[in-house]
């Protein structure tokens, strides 16, 4: 099995990041809409701050920055070539090449987003606890989407196909993981669901840590 960051760096080198952006965009739009429904009015009025965890080429960061209510958006990714792509597209942007499991942001933020990242991590509970305690302000919102989960039978052979280790959990197990890490789960649903696609599993949660 290869490291996911190495695979994604190769994908960025051959321009595959553009396809990932296009493919994930509908689900991400639903994730952001659900998140903005629960981000505090105070945060919106003063200008919310955000992190995209596993930002790829920075497309979600760039999207967030277009919102008048966004004061700061930054991205972090473990794939070096993805960060280089992000900086090429957004030279003035704030992007960090780092291990998500050990990185801490320069300041806590109101909102953390992540799409198609969490099941690649070696220690998911530790990452969730880190986001809760070190990334988010108290009452901040964490919203993430994943396509590889037990109920999505089409995704179960992805580790073998891609050659990357992935942790497989059911929807209820994902919710339990988030709640066990100190979050209050506000919403759980499937985004971009279709007749032949069970959809992206989305969880929106609120931080209870100081």
N, C-alpha and C. Protein backbone atom coordinates (compact mmCIF):
# COMPACT_ATOMS: atom_id res chain seq x y z
N UNK A 1 0.83 -1.20 0.00
CA UNK A 1 0.00 0.00 0.00
C UNK A 1 0.87 1.26 0.00
N UNK A 2 0.49 2.23 -0.81
CA UNK A 2 1.23 3.49 -0.90
C UNK A 2 0.60 4.52 0.02
N UNK A 3 1.34 5.59 0.29
CA UNK A 3 0.81 6.70 1.06
C UNK A 3 -0.14 7.52 0.19
N UNK A 4 -1.26 7.91 0.76
CA UNK A 4 -2.24 8.69 0.01
C UNK A 4 -1.64 10.00 -0.50
N UNK A 5 -0.78 10.64 0.30
CA UNK A 5 -0.22 11.93 -0.12
C UNK A 5 0.66 11.77 -1.35
N UNK A 6 1.33 10.63 -1.48
CA UNK A 6 2.15 10.39 -2.67
C UNK A 6 1.29 10.21 -3.91
N UNK A 7 0.18 9.49 -3.75
CA UNK A 7 -0.74 9.29 -4.88
C UNK A 7 -1.33 10.62 -5.33
N UNK A 8 -1.76 11.43 -4.37
CA UNK A 8 -2.38 12.71 -4.71
C UNK A 8 -1.38 13.69 -5.31
N UNK A 9 -0.15 13.61 -4.89
CA UNK A 9 0.88 14.46 -5.50
C UNK A 9 1.06 14.10 -6.97
N UNK A 10 1.06 12.80 -7.25
CA UNK A 10 1.17 12.36 -8.64
C UNK A 10 -0.04 12.81 -9.45
N UNK A 11 -1.22 12.73 -8.85
CA UNK A 11 -2.42 13.17 -9.55
C UNK A 11 -2.36 14.67 -9.87
N UNK A 12 -1.83 15.45 -8.93
CA UNK A 12 -1.68 16.89 -9.18
C UNK A 12 -0.70 17.14 -10.31
N UNK A 13 0.37 16.36 -10.36
CA UNK A 13 1.39 16.52 -11.40
C UNK A 13 0.84 16.28 -12.81
N UNK A 14 -0.18 15.42 -12.90
CA UNK A 14 -0.74 15.12 -14.23
C UNK A 14 -2.07 15.85 -14.47
N UNK A 15 -2.40 16.77 -13.56
CA UNK A 15 -3.60 17.58 -13.76
C UNK A 15 -4.90 16.92 -13.35
N UNK A 16 -4.81 15.82 -12.62
CA UNK A 16 -6.02 15.11 -12.22
C UNK A 16 -6.78 15.86 -11.13
N UNK A 17 -6.14 16.83 -10.52
CA UNK A 17 -6.81 17.61 -9.48
C UNK A 17 -8.02 18.36 -10.04
N UNK A 18 -7.96 18.74 -11.31
CA UNK A 18 -9.07 19.46 -11.93
C UNK A 18 -10.32 18.56 -11.97
N UNK A 19 -10.11 17.29 -12.29
CA UNK A 19 -11.23 16.36 -12.32
C UNK A 19 -11.80 16.12 -10.94
N UNK A 20 -10.93 16.08 -9.94
CA UNK A 20 -11.39 15.90 -8.56
C UNK A 20 -12.26 17.10 -8.15
N UNK A 21 -11.83 18.28 -8.51
CA UNK A 21 -12.60 19.48 -8.20
C UNK A 21 -13.98 19.42 -8.84
N UNK A 22 -14.03 19.08 -10.10
CA UNK A 22 -15.30 19.02 -10.82
C UNK A 22 -16.21 17.94 -10.24
N UNK A 23 -15.63 16.78 -9.93
CA UNK A 23 -16.43 15.68 -9.42
C UNK A 23 -16.99 15.92 -8.03
N UNK A 24 -16.22 16.61 -7.18
CA UNK A 24 -16.64 16.82 -5.80
C UNK A 24 -17.48 18.09 -5.61
N UNK A 25 -17.50 18.98 -6.58
CA UNK A 25 -18.15 20.28 -6.42
C UNK A 25 -19.61 20.21 -5.99
N UNK A 26 -20.45 19.35 -6.60
CA UNK A 26 -21.86 19.32 -6.19
C UNK A 26 -22.04 18.95 -4.72
N UNK A 27 -21.31 17.94 -4.26
CA UNK A 27 -21.42 17.55 -2.85
C UNK A 27 -20.90 18.64 -1.93
N UNK A 28 -19.77 19.25 -2.30
CA UNK A 28 -19.20 20.30 -1.46
C UNK A 28 -20.15 21.48 -1.34
N UNK A 29 -20.86 21.81 -2.40
CA UNK A 29 -21.82 22.90 -2.33
C UNK A 29 -22.90 22.61 -1.29
N UNK A 30 -23.35 21.36 -1.24
CA UNK A 30 -24.34 20.97 -0.23
C UNK A 30 -23.76 21.02 1.17
N UNK A 31 -22.49 20.61 1.29
CA UNK A 31 -21.83 20.64 2.60
C UNK A 31 -21.72 22.08 3.10
N UNK A 32 -21.29 22.98 2.25
CA UNK A 32 -21.12 24.38 2.65
C UNK A 32 -22.45 25.02 2.99
N UNK A 33 -23.48 24.71 2.21
CA UNK A 33 -24.81 25.26 2.49
C UNK A 33 -25.28 24.82 3.87
N UNK A 34 -25.10 23.52 4.18
CA UNK A 34 -25.51 23.00 5.49
C UNK A 34 -24.70 23.64 6.61
N UNK A 35 -23.41 23.85 6.37
CA UNK A 35 -22.55 24.45 7.39
C UNK A 35 -22.91 25.89 7.67
N UNK A 36 -23.17 26.66 6.60
CA UNK A 36 -23.49 28.07 6.78
C UNK A 36 -24.82 28.27 7.49
N UNK A 37 -25.67 27.25 7.47
CA UNK A 37 -26.94 27.33 8.20
C UNK A 37 -26.72 27.31 9.71
N UNK A 38 -25.58 26.78 10.15
CA UNK A 38 -25.37 26.63 11.59
C UNK A 38 -24.17 27.41 12.13
N UNK A 39 -23.36 28.01 11.24
CA UNK A 39 -22.29 28.89 11.72
C UNK A 39 -22.95 30.08 12.41
N UNK A 40 -22.43 30.46 13.55
CA UNK A 40 -23.08 31.49 14.36
C UNK A 40 -23.23 32.81 13.61
N UNK A 41 -24.30 33.49 13.91
CA UNK A 41 -24.56 34.81 13.31
C UNK A 41 -23.44 35.78 13.66
N UNK A 42 -22.94 35.67 14.89
CA UNK A 42 -21.83 36.53 15.33
C UNK A 42 -20.61 36.33 14.43
N UNK A 43 -20.29 35.07 14.11
CA UNK A 43 -19.13 34.77 13.27
C UNK A 43 -19.32 35.35 11.87
N UNK A 44 -20.51 35.22 11.34
CA UNK A 44 -20.79 35.73 10.00
C UNK A 44 -20.69 37.25 9.98
N UNK A 45 -21.23 37.91 11.00
CA UNK A 45 -21.25 39.37 11.03
C UNK A 45 -19.86 39.96 11.17
N UNK A 46 -18.99 39.33 11.95
CA UNK A 46 -17.65 39.88 12.13
C UNK A 46 -16.69 39.39 11.06
N UNK A 47 -17.12 38.38 10.27
CA UNK A 47 -16.27 37.81 9.22
C UNK A 47 -15.68 36.50 9.67
N UNK A 48 -16.26 35.39 9.22
CA UNK A 48 -15.80 34.09 9.70
C UNK A 48 -14.45 33.71 9.11
N UNK A 49 -13.72 32.87 9.84
CA UNK A 49 -12.43 32.34 9.38
C UNK A 49 -12.59 30.84 9.15
N UNK A 50 -11.79 30.30 8.22
CA UNK A 50 -12.00 28.90 7.83
C UNK A 50 -10.71 28.21 7.43
N UNK A 51 -10.72 26.88 7.57
CA UNK A 51 -9.64 26.01 7.10
C UNK A 51 -10.26 24.92 6.25
N UNK A 52 -9.62 24.63 5.11
CA UNK A 52 -9.98 23.46 4.32
C UNK A 52 -8.90 22.42 4.56
N UNK A 53 -9.27 21.33 5.23
CA UNK A 53 -8.33 20.27 5.57
C UNK A 53 -8.25 19.26 4.44
N UNK A 54 -7.07 19.17 3.81
CA UNK A 54 -6.94 18.36 2.61
C UNK A 54 -7.42 19.18 1.43
N UNK A 55 -6.84 20.36 1.28
CA UNK A 55 -7.37 21.39 0.37
C UNK A 55 -7.11 21.12 -1.10
N UNK A 56 -6.26 20.14 -1.42
CA UNK A 56 -5.98 19.89 -2.83
C UNK A 56 -5.41 21.12 -3.51
N UNK A 57 -5.97 21.48 -4.66
CA UNK A 57 -5.47 22.64 -5.40
C UNK A 57 -6.05 23.96 -4.91
N UNK A 58 -6.73 23.92 -3.77
CA UNK A 58 -7.21 25.15 -3.15
C UNK A 58 -8.56 25.65 -3.62
N UNK A 59 -9.30 24.84 -4.36
CA UNK A 59 -10.52 25.36 -4.97
C UNK A 59 -11.59 25.73 -3.95
N UNK A 60 -11.68 25.00 -2.83
CA UNK A 60 -12.66 25.37 -1.81
C UNK A 60 -12.21 26.63 -1.08
N UNK A 61 -10.92 26.75 -0.82
CA UNK A 61 -10.40 27.97 -0.19
C UNK A 61 -10.71 29.18 -1.07
N UNK A 62 -10.47 29.06 -2.36
CA UNK A 62 -10.75 30.18 -3.27
C UNK A 62 -12.24 30.51 -3.28
N UNK A 63 -13.07 29.49 -3.21
CA UNK A 63 -14.52 29.71 -3.18
C UNK A 63 -14.94 30.44 -1.91
N UNK A 64 -14.39 30.01 -0.77
CA UNK A 64 -14.74 30.66 0.49
C UNK A 64 -14.31 32.12 0.50
N UNK A 65 -13.17 32.40 -0.09
CA UNK A 65 -12.63 33.76 -0.10
C UNK A 65 -13.49 34.73 -0.90
N UNK A 66 -14.34 34.22 -1.78
CA UNK A 66 -15.21 35.10 -2.56
C UNK A 66 -16.40 35.58 -1.74
N UNK A 67 -16.66 34.97 -0.62
CA UNK A 67 -17.80 35.35 0.21
C UNK A 67 -17.47 36.60 1.02
N UNK A 68 -18.35 37.56 0.99
CA UNK A 68 -18.11 38.82 1.69
C UNK A 68 -18.02 38.63 3.20
N UNK A 69 -18.64 37.56 3.71
CA UNK A 69 -18.63 37.30 5.14
C UNK A 69 -17.40 36.52 5.60
N UNK A 70 -16.48 36.19 4.68
CA UNK A 70 -15.28 35.44 5.03
C UNK A 70 -14.11 36.40 5.23
N UNK A 71 -13.52 36.37 6.42
CA UNK A 71 -12.38 37.25 6.71
C UNK A 71 -11.05 36.56 6.43
N UNK A 72 -11.04 35.21 6.50
CA UNK A 72 -9.79 34.47 6.31
C UNK A 72 -10.12 33.04 5.93
N UNK A 73 -9.46 32.53 4.89
CA UNK A 73 -9.60 31.13 4.51
C UNK A 73 -8.21 30.60 4.19
N UNK A 74 -7.87 29.46 4.77
CA UNK A 74 -6.55 28.86 4.54
C UNK A 74 -6.73 27.38 4.24
N UNK A 75 -5.73 26.80 3.58
CA UNK A 75 -5.79 25.39 3.24
C UNK A 75 -4.54 24.67 3.71
N UNK A 76 -4.70 23.38 4.02
CA UNK A 76 -3.57 22.55 4.41
C UNK A 76 -3.72 21.20 3.73
N UNK A 77 -2.59 20.65 3.25
CA UNK A 77 -2.62 19.38 2.55
C UNK A 77 -1.26 18.71 2.71
N UNK A 78 -1.29 17.38 2.79
CA UNK A 78 -0.05 16.64 2.93
C UNK A 78 0.63 16.33 1.62
N UNK A 79 -0.07 16.58 0.49
CA UNK A 79 0.50 16.32 -0.83
C UNK A 79 1.17 17.60 -1.35
N UNK A 80 2.49 17.58 -1.46
CA UNK A 80 3.24 18.79 -1.81
C UNK A 80 2.82 19.36 -3.15
N UNK A 81 2.61 18.50 -4.15
CA UNK A 81 2.26 19.00 -5.48
C UNK A 81 0.89 19.67 -5.49
N UNK A 82 -0.02 19.21 -4.62
CA UNK A 82 -1.33 19.87 -4.51
C UNK A 82 -1.17 21.29 -4.00
N UNK A 83 -0.32 21.47 -2.99
CA UNK A 83 -0.09 22.81 -2.45
C UNK A 83 0.57 23.71 -3.50
N UNK A 84 1.49 23.15 -4.27
CA UNK A 84 2.12 23.93 -5.34
C UNK A 84 1.08 24.36 -6.37
N UNK A 85 0.14 23.48 -6.67
CA UNK A 85 -0.95 23.82 -7.60
C UNK A 85 -1.82 24.93 -7.01
N UNK A 86 -2.09 24.83 -5.72
CA UNK A 86 -2.91 25.84 -5.06
C UNK A 86 -2.23 27.21 -5.11
N UNK A 87 -0.93 27.25 -4.84
CA UNK A 87 -0.20 28.51 -4.85
C UNK A 87 -0.05 29.06 -6.26
N UNK A 88 0.00 28.17 -7.24
CA UNK A 88 0.06 28.61 -8.63
C UNK A 88 -1.24 29.30 -9.03
N UNK A 89 -2.36 28.77 -8.54
CA UNK A 89 -3.66 29.34 -8.88
C UNK A 89 -4.00 30.55 -8.01
N UNK A 90 -3.44 30.59 -6.83
CA UNK A 90 -3.78 31.63 -5.85
C UNK A 90 -2.50 32.05 -5.11
N UNK A 91 -1.62 32.80 -5.80
CA UNK A 91 -0.31 33.14 -5.23
C UNK A 91 -0.36 33.87 -3.90
N UNK A 92 -1.43 34.61 -3.67
CA UNK A 92 -1.54 35.37 -2.42
C UNK A 92 -2.26 34.57 -1.33
N UNK A 93 -2.63 33.34 -1.64
CA UNK A 93 -3.38 32.53 -0.69
C UNK A 93 -2.50 31.98 0.43
N UNK A 94 -3.16 31.50 1.48
CA UNK A 94 -2.47 30.94 2.63
C UNK A 94 -2.64 29.43 2.59
N UNK A 95 -1.58 28.74 2.16
CA UNK A 95 -1.62 27.29 2.02
C UNK A 95 -0.42 26.67 2.73
N UNK A 96 -0.67 25.55 3.41
CA UNK A 96 0.37 24.90 4.19
C UNK A 96 0.55 23.46 3.73
N UNK A 97 1.81 23.10 3.44
CA UNK A 97 2.13 21.70 3.17
C UNK A 97 2.52 21.07 4.49
N UNK A 98 1.66 20.20 5.03
CA UNK A 98 1.91 19.65 6.35
C UNK A 98 1.10 18.37 6.56
N UNK A 99 1.51 17.61 7.54
CA UNK A 99 0.78 16.42 7.98
C UNK A 99 -0.43 16.89 8.78
N UNK A 100 -1.62 16.57 8.32
CA UNK A 100 -2.83 17.02 9.00
C UNK A 100 -2.89 16.52 10.44
N UNK A 101 -2.27 15.40 10.71
CA UNK A 101 -2.35 14.79 12.04
C UNK A 101 -1.53 15.53 13.09
N UNK A 102 -0.57 16.35 12.66
CA UNK A 102 0.29 17.04 13.62
C UNK A 102 0.26 18.57 13.47
N UNK A 103 -0.29 19.06 12.38
CA UNK A 103 -0.29 20.50 12.10
C UNK A 103 -1.28 21.23 12.99
N UNK A 104 -0.93 22.44 13.36
CA UNK A 104 -1.84 23.34 14.07
C UNK A 104 -1.89 24.66 13.32
N UNK A 105 -3.05 25.26 13.17
CA UNK A 105 -3.17 26.51 12.44
C UNK A 105 -2.57 27.67 13.23
N UNK A 106 -2.24 28.76 12.55
CA UNK A 106 -1.69 29.93 13.24
C UNK A 106 -2.68 30.56 14.22
N UNK A 107 -3.96 30.32 13.99
CA UNK A 107 -4.99 30.79 14.91
C UNK A 107 -6.22 29.90 14.77
N UNK A 108 -7.01 29.81 15.82
CA UNK A 108 -8.23 29.02 15.75
C UNK A 108 -9.25 29.69 14.83
N UNK A 109 -10.09 28.89 14.23
CA UNK A 109 -11.03 29.41 13.24
C UNK A 109 -12.47 29.05 13.60
N UNK A 110 -13.40 29.65 12.84
CA UNK A 110 -14.82 29.42 13.08
C UNK A 110 -15.35 28.19 12.35
N UNK A 111 -14.66 27.80 11.27
CA UNK A 111 -15.20 26.75 10.42
C UNK A 111 -14.08 25.91 9.82
N UNK A 112 -14.22 24.59 9.90
CA UNK A 112 -13.29 23.67 9.24
C UNK A 112 -14.08 22.79 8.28
N UNK A 113 -13.60 22.72 7.07
CA UNK A 113 -14.23 21.89 6.04
C UNK A 113 -13.24 20.82 5.59
N UNK A 114 -13.76 19.67 5.20
CA UNK A 114 -12.90 18.62 4.64
C UNK A 114 -13.73 17.74 3.71
N UNK A 115 -13.15 17.43 2.56
CA UNK A 115 -13.85 16.58 1.60
C UNK A 115 -12.93 15.45 1.15
N UNK A 116 -13.36 14.22 1.37
CA UNK A 116 -12.66 13.03 0.91
C UNK A 116 -11.23 12.93 1.47
N UNK A 117 -11.12 13.05 2.78
CA UNK A 117 -9.80 13.02 3.42
C UNK A 117 -9.74 12.08 4.61
N UNK A 118 -10.74 12.12 5.48
CA UNK A 118 -10.60 11.54 6.80
C UNK A 118 -10.27 10.05 6.81
N UNK A 119 -10.81 9.28 5.88
CA UNK A 119 -10.59 7.83 5.96
C UNK A 119 -9.18 7.43 5.54
N UNK A 120 -8.38 8.37 5.04
CA UNK A 120 -6.98 8.09 4.73
C UNK A 120 -6.07 8.22 5.95
N UNK A 121 -6.55 8.87 7.00
CA UNK A 121 -5.71 9.18 8.15
C UNK A 121 -5.43 7.93 8.99
N UNK A 122 -4.24 7.89 9.58
CA UNK A 122 -3.85 6.74 10.39
C UNK A 122 -4.63 6.67 11.70
N UNK A 123 -4.90 7.84 12.28
CA UNK A 123 -5.59 7.88 13.57
C UNK A 123 -6.72 8.91 13.48
N UNK A 124 -7.87 8.46 13.06
CA UNK A 124 -9.00 9.37 12.85
C UNK A 124 -9.47 10.01 14.16
N UNK A 125 -9.65 9.26 15.25
CA UNK A 125 -10.08 9.89 16.50
C UNK A 125 -9.13 10.99 16.97
N UNK A 126 -7.83 10.76 16.85
CA UNK A 126 -6.86 11.76 17.28
C UNK A 126 -6.97 13.03 16.44
N UNK A 127 -7.21 12.86 15.13
CA UNK A 127 -7.37 14.04 14.27
C UNK A 127 -8.63 14.80 14.65
N UNK A 128 -9.73 14.10 14.86
CA UNK A 128 -10.98 14.76 15.23
C UNK A 128 -10.82 15.54 16.54
N UNK A 129 -10.15 14.93 17.50
CA UNK A 129 -9.92 15.61 18.78
C UNK A 129 -9.04 16.85 18.59
N UNK A 130 -8.07 16.75 17.67
CA UNK A 130 -7.18 17.89 17.40
C UNK A 130 -7.96 19.04 16.77
N UNK A 131 -8.83 18.72 15.80
CA UNK A 131 -9.65 19.75 15.18
C UNK A 131 -10.53 20.43 16.24
N UNK A 132 -11.09 19.60 17.11
CA UNK A 132 -11.99 20.13 18.14
C UNK A 132 -11.26 21.04 19.13
N UNK A 133 -10.08 20.61 19.56
CA UNK A 133 -9.40 21.34 20.64
C UNK A 133 -8.42 22.40 20.16
N UNK A 134 -7.81 22.20 18.96
CA UNK A 134 -6.72 23.09 18.53
C UNK A 134 -7.02 23.89 17.26
N UNK A 135 -8.02 23.48 16.49
CA UNK A 135 -8.31 24.19 15.24
C UNK A 135 -9.50 25.13 15.38
N UNK A 136 -10.51 24.71 16.10
CA UNK A 136 -11.76 25.45 16.16
C UNK A 136 -11.93 26.25 17.44
N UNK A 137 -12.54 27.42 17.31
CA UNK A 137 -12.97 28.16 18.49
C UNK A 137 -14.15 27.40 19.11
N UNK A 138 -14.44 27.67 20.36
CA UNK A 138 -15.59 27.04 20.98
C UNK A 138 -16.86 27.43 20.22
N UNK A 139 -17.65 26.45 19.86
CA UNK A 139 -18.85 26.72 19.08
C UNK A 139 -18.61 26.73 17.59
N UNK A 140 -17.33 26.51 17.18
CA UNK A 140 -17.01 26.47 15.75
C UNK A 140 -17.62 25.24 15.10
N UNK A 141 -17.69 25.27 13.78
CA UNK A 141 -18.36 24.21 13.02
C UNK A 141 -17.36 23.41 12.19
N UNK A 142 -17.50 22.10 12.24
CA UNK A 142 -16.71 21.19 11.42
C UNK A 142 -17.67 20.44 10.51
N UNK A 143 -17.45 20.53 9.21
CA UNK A 143 -18.30 19.85 8.25
C UNK A 143 -17.43 19.08 7.27
N UNK A 144 -17.71 17.79 7.11
CA UNK A 144 -16.89 16.99 6.20
C UNK A 144 -17.74 16.02 5.40
N UNK A 145 -17.19 15.63 4.25
CA UNK A 145 -17.85 14.66 3.39
C UNK A 145 -16.90 13.54 3.04
N UNK A 146 -17.42 12.31 2.94
CA UNK A 146 -16.62 11.16 2.55
C UNK A 146 -17.44 10.28 1.62
N UNK A 147 -16.78 9.73 0.63
CA UNK A 147 -17.44 8.83 -0.31
C UNK A 147 -17.18 7.35 0.00
N UNK A 148 -16.14 7.09 0.78
CA UNK A 148 -15.81 5.71 1.14
C UNK A 148 -16.36 5.41 2.53
N UNK A 149 -17.48 4.70 2.57
CA UNK A 149 -18.09 4.28 3.83
C UNK A 149 -18.84 2.98 3.56
N UNK A 150 -19.15 2.24 4.62
CA UNK A 150 -19.62 0.87 4.48
C UNK A 150 -20.88 0.75 3.62
N UNK A 151 -21.81 1.67 3.78
CA UNK A 151 -23.06 1.57 3.03
C UNK A 151 -22.90 1.84 1.54
N UNK A 152 -21.80 2.47 1.16
CA UNK A 152 -21.49 2.70 -0.26
C UNK A 152 -20.71 1.50 -0.77
N UNK A 153 -21.42 0.47 -1.18
CA UNK A 153 -20.78 -0.79 -1.58
C UNK A 153 -19.81 -0.60 -2.75
N UNK A 154 -20.10 0.38 -3.60
CA UNK A 154 -19.23 0.65 -4.75
C UNK A 154 -17.84 1.07 -4.31
N UNK A 155 -17.73 1.62 -3.11
CA UNK A 155 -16.44 2.16 -2.64
C UNK A 155 -15.59 1.13 -1.90
N UNK A 156 -16.13 -0.02 -1.61
CA UNK A 156 -15.44 -0.94 -0.72
C UNK A 156 -14.18 -1.56 -1.32
N UNK A 157 -14.08 -1.58 -2.65
CA UNK A 157 -12.86 -2.12 -3.26
C UNK A 157 -11.87 -1.02 -3.67
N UNK A 158 -12.14 0.22 -3.27
CA UNK A 158 -11.23 1.31 -3.62
C UNK A 158 -9.82 1.13 -3.06
N UNK A 159 -9.65 0.67 -1.81
CA UNK A 159 -8.27 0.50 -1.31
C UNK A 159 -7.43 -0.38 -2.23
N UNK A 160 -8.02 -1.47 -2.73
CA UNK A 160 -7.29 -2.36 -3.62
C UNK A 160 -7.05 -1.71 -4.98
N UNK A 161 -8.06 -1.01 -5.49
CA UNK A 161 -7.92 -0.39 -6.80
C UNK A 161 -6.89 0.74 -6.81
N UNK A 162 -6.93 1.55 -5.78
CA UNK A 162 -6.04 2.72 -5.71
C UNK A 162 -4.68 2.33 -5.12
N UNK A 163 -4.66 1.28 -4.31
CA UNK A 163 -3.42 0.86 -3.67
C UNK A 163 -3.08 1.70 -2.46
N UNK A 164 -4.11 2.23 -1.79
CA UNK A 164 -3.93 3.09 -0.63
C UNK A 164 -4.80 2.57 0.51
N UNK A 165 -4.26 2.56 1.72
CA UNK A 165 -5.05 2.11 2.87
C UNK A 165 -6.16 3.10 3.17
N UNK A 166 -7.35 2.58 3.38
CA UNK A 166 -8.50 3.39 3.75
C UNK A 166 -9.22 2.71 4.91
N UNK A 167 -9.67 3.48 5.87
CA UNK A 167 -10.43 2.94 6.98
C UNK A 167 -11.91 2.96 6.62
N UNK A 168 -12.56 1.82 6.75
CA UNK A 168 -13.97 1.70 6.38
C UNK A 168 -14.84 1.69 7.63
N UNK A 169 -15.71 2.68 7.73
CA UNK A 169 -16.69 2.75 8.82
C UNK A 169 -18.09 2.89 8.24
N UNK A 170 -19.07 2.49 9.01
CA UNK A 170 -20.46 2.71 8.63
C UNK A 170 -20.86 4.14 8.99
N UNK A 171 -22.03 4.55 8.52
CA UNK A 171 -22.52 5.89 8.85
C UNK A 171 -22.61 6.06 10.36
N UNK A 172 -23.19 5.09 11.05
CA UNK A 172 -23.36 5.21 12.50
C UNK A 172 -22.01 5.24 13.22
N UNK A 173 -21.04 4.51 12.70
CA UNK A 173 -19.71 4.52 13.31
C UNK A 173 -19.04 5.88 13.14
N UNK A 174 -19.22 6.49 11.99
CA UNK A 174 -18.66 7.83 11.77
C UNK A 174 -19.28 8.83 12.75
N UNK A 175 -20.58 8.76 12.92
CA UNK A 175 -21.25 9.67 13.84
C UNK A 175 -20.73 9.46 15.26
N UNK A 176 -20.57 8.21 15.66
CA UNK A 176 -20.05 7.91 16.99
C UNK A 176 -18.63 8.43 17.18
N UNK A 177 -17.79 8.30 16.14
CA UNK A 177 -16.42 8.81 16.21
C UNK A 177 -16.42 10.32 16.46
N UNK A 178 -17.27 11.02 15.74
CA UNK A 178 -17.33 12.48 15.88
C UNK A 178 -17.82 12.87 17.27
N UNK A 179 -18.86 12.20 17.72
CA UNK A 179 -19.40 12.51 19.05
C UNK A 179 -18.41 12.16 20.15
N UNK A 180 -17.68 11.07 19.98
CA UNK A 180 -16.70 10.66 20.99
C UNK A 180 -15.53 11.61 21.08
N UNK A 181 -15.35 12.42 20.04
CA UNK A 181 -14.25 13.39 20.02
C UNK A 181 -14.67 14.73 20.60
N UNK A 182 -15.86 14.80 21.18
CA UNK A 182 -16.29 16.01 21.86
C UNK A 182 -17.15 16.95 21.04
N UNK A 183 -17.54 16.53 19.85
CA UNK A 183 -18.41 17.34 19.01
C UNK A 183 -19.88 17.03 19.28
N UNK A 184 -20.71 18.01 19.01
CA UNK A 184 -22.15 17.81 18.96
C UNK A 184 -22.55 17.69 17.49
N UNK A 185 -23.02 16.53 17.08
CA UNK A 185 -23.42 16.34 15.68
C UNK A 185 -24.75 17.07 15.45
N UNK A 186 -24.74 17.98 14.48
CA UNK A 186 -25.92 18.78 14.17
C UNK A 186 -26.71 18.22 13.00
N UNK A 187 -25.98 17.70 12.01
CA UNK A 187 -26.64 17.17 10.81
C UNK A 187 -25.84 15.99 10.27
N UNK A 188 -26.55 15.04 9.69
CA UNK A 188 -25.91 13.94 8.98
C UNK A 188 -26.82 13.60 7.80
N UNK A 189 -26.25 13.61 6.60
CA UNK A 189 -27.05 13.33 5.42
C UNK A 189 -26.16 12.89 4.28
N UNK A 190 -26.77 12.52 3.17
CA UNK A 190 -26.02 12.15 1.97
C UNK A 190 -26.20 13.23 0.91
N UNK A 191 -25.10 13.75 0.44
CA UNK A 191 -25.12 14.81 -0.58
C UNK A 191 -24.95 14.23 -1.97
N UNK A 192 -25.51 14.90 -2.94
CA UNK A 192 -25.36 14.52 -4.36
C UNK A 192 -25.79 13.07 -4.59
N UNK A 193 -26.84 12.66 -3.91
CA UNK A 193 -27.34 11.29 -4.04
C UNK A 193 -28.07 11.12 -5.37
N UNK A 194 -27.90 9.97 -6.01
CA UNK A 194 -28.54 9.71 -7.29
C UNK A 194 -29.03 8.27 -7.38
N UNK A 195 -29.62 7.93 -8.51
CA UNK A 195 -30.16 6.58 -8.67
C UNK A 195 -29.07 5.52 -8.60
N UNK A 196 -27.90 5.83 -9.12
CA UNK A 196 -26.81 4.86 -9.15
C UNK A 196 -25.65 5.25 -8.22
N UNK A 197 -25.88 6.24 -7.39
CA UNK A 197 -24.82 6.70 -6.48
C UNK A 197 -25.45 6.99 -5.12
N UNK A 198 -25.01 6.30 -4.06
CA UNK A 198 -25.63 6.49 -2.74
C UNK A 198 -25.36 7.85 -2.12
N UNK A 199 -24.43 8.58 -2.69
CA UNK A 199 -24.16 9.93 -2.21
C UNK A 199 -22.95 10.03 -1.30
N UNK A 200 -22.53 11.24 -1.08
CA UNK A 200 -21.43 11.55 -0.16
C UNK A 200 -21.98 11.64 1.26
N UNK A 201 -21.41 10.88 2.17
CA UNK A 201 -21.82 10.97 3.57
C UNK A 201 -21.30 12.28 4.15
N UNK A 202 -22.20 13.08 4.70
CA UNK A 202 -21.85 14.38 5.25
C UNK A 202 -22.21 14.43 6.73
N UNK A 203 -21.29 14.95 7.51
CA UNK A 203 -21.55 15.18 8.93
C UNK A 203 -21.17 16.63 9.26
N UNK A 204 -22.08 17.31 9.89
CA UNK A 204 -21.87 18.69 10.33
C UNK A 204 -21.95 18.70 11.85
N UNK A 205 -20.91 19.21 12.51
CA UNK A 205 -20.85 19.14 13.96
C UNK A 205 -20.34 20.45 14.54
N UNK A 206 -20.64 20.65 15.81
CA UNK A 206 -20.21 21.86 16.50
C UNK A 206 -19.21 21.51 17.61
N UNK A 207 -18.15 22.31 17.71
CA UNK A 207 -17.13 22.10 18.72
C UNK A 207 -17.63 22.56 20.09
N UNK A 208 -17.31 21.77 21.10
CA UNK A 208 -17.68 22.14 22.46
C UNK A 208 -16.48 22.49 23.30
N UNK A 209 -15.28 22.48 22.67
CA UNK A 209 -14.05 22.77 23.42
C UNK A 209 -13.80 24.26 23.52
N UNK A 210 -13.09 24.66 24.57
CA UNK A 210 -12.69 26.07 24.72
C UNK A 210 -11.58 26.39 23.77
